[in-house]
């Protein structure tokens, strides 16, 4: 009888221990840190990729024990213009890069190209919500953030460009390294757009196989293009269109806490990245001027005509593509 009672106590004890272990296992599983594998459209050393690293670091700091972004690489893993498709298919979880790489599929990317407001303003006026809808409908991914706004683009040339009688610039016949967002604007200035991959631009400039390039003011030194591009035309035009997107199924599978952490970090880092790049723009501008780059500043009506030509080219492209979001996006993103 004693043995029977002892055995019963042992079995009961084992059952309690087993239940406790199961509860501990379930609790640890429920609280396990979730990891997102992320890539960038740019090589890691560039300022833009470093900014995305800053976003990942912020999420990782806020989400310790809950959510982590593992920034695993860039174009060496997937070609830059195929990365969003990799996110859509679930091959990678998260991506950072230009929305304009997908203009053919999502013409609404031009709302960011032709934007005159910050990401913070667009969240407040409803523009960001409309862009989230466009990303979902056209690209099959969830839009989380519009980082690094406030960075404008410029035309740079090797030799001093000619001026027009009204104070503008005449790029007639110049071969300017371009990409789709610039093409129609450059053509309106008389330039011949030339498609050259970023890794080949340095050699092209060195050999003078083309005469200049369009590029944001940031990273002109990172790529050492300023060694050859000695003239910059001001004012700047357009705005950076850098999105952070995530696979919808992956997003849906995240815990509510993880989603909240990522969303709060996105809002915070949109402001932080804007502030960081404003400082970097000022530092880069001073550095290239000190090193001898000449800045050709258009003024008055000539400047207005130049900027109208740039911004109108982006908004016309979206309208001609038949975007159903054109009116809402123009109202939210453009106030010139």
Foldseek 3Di string as FASTA:
>chain_A
DVVVVVVVVVVVVVVVVVVVVVVVVVVCVVQAEAEFEEEEQDFCVFPVNVLVVVLQVQLCVLQPSAYHYDHDYHCVVPHSLCVLVCQQVVVGFKYKYQPVSPCVQQLCSLLQQLFPDAQLLLVVQVLVVVVQVSCCVRRVWGFQAFAQKPWFKWKFWQDDFPADPVQATAQADFEEADDVLCQQLCVVSNYHYDHDDLVCVQVCLVVCVGTIYMDTLGCCVVSPVLVRRQEIEDDTETITRMTMIGHPVVQVPGDPVSNVSSNVSRSVSRVVSNVVVVVVSVVSVVVSVVVRRHYRYGDDPNNVVSHCSSSVSSLVSSVVVPDPCSVVSCVRGPDD
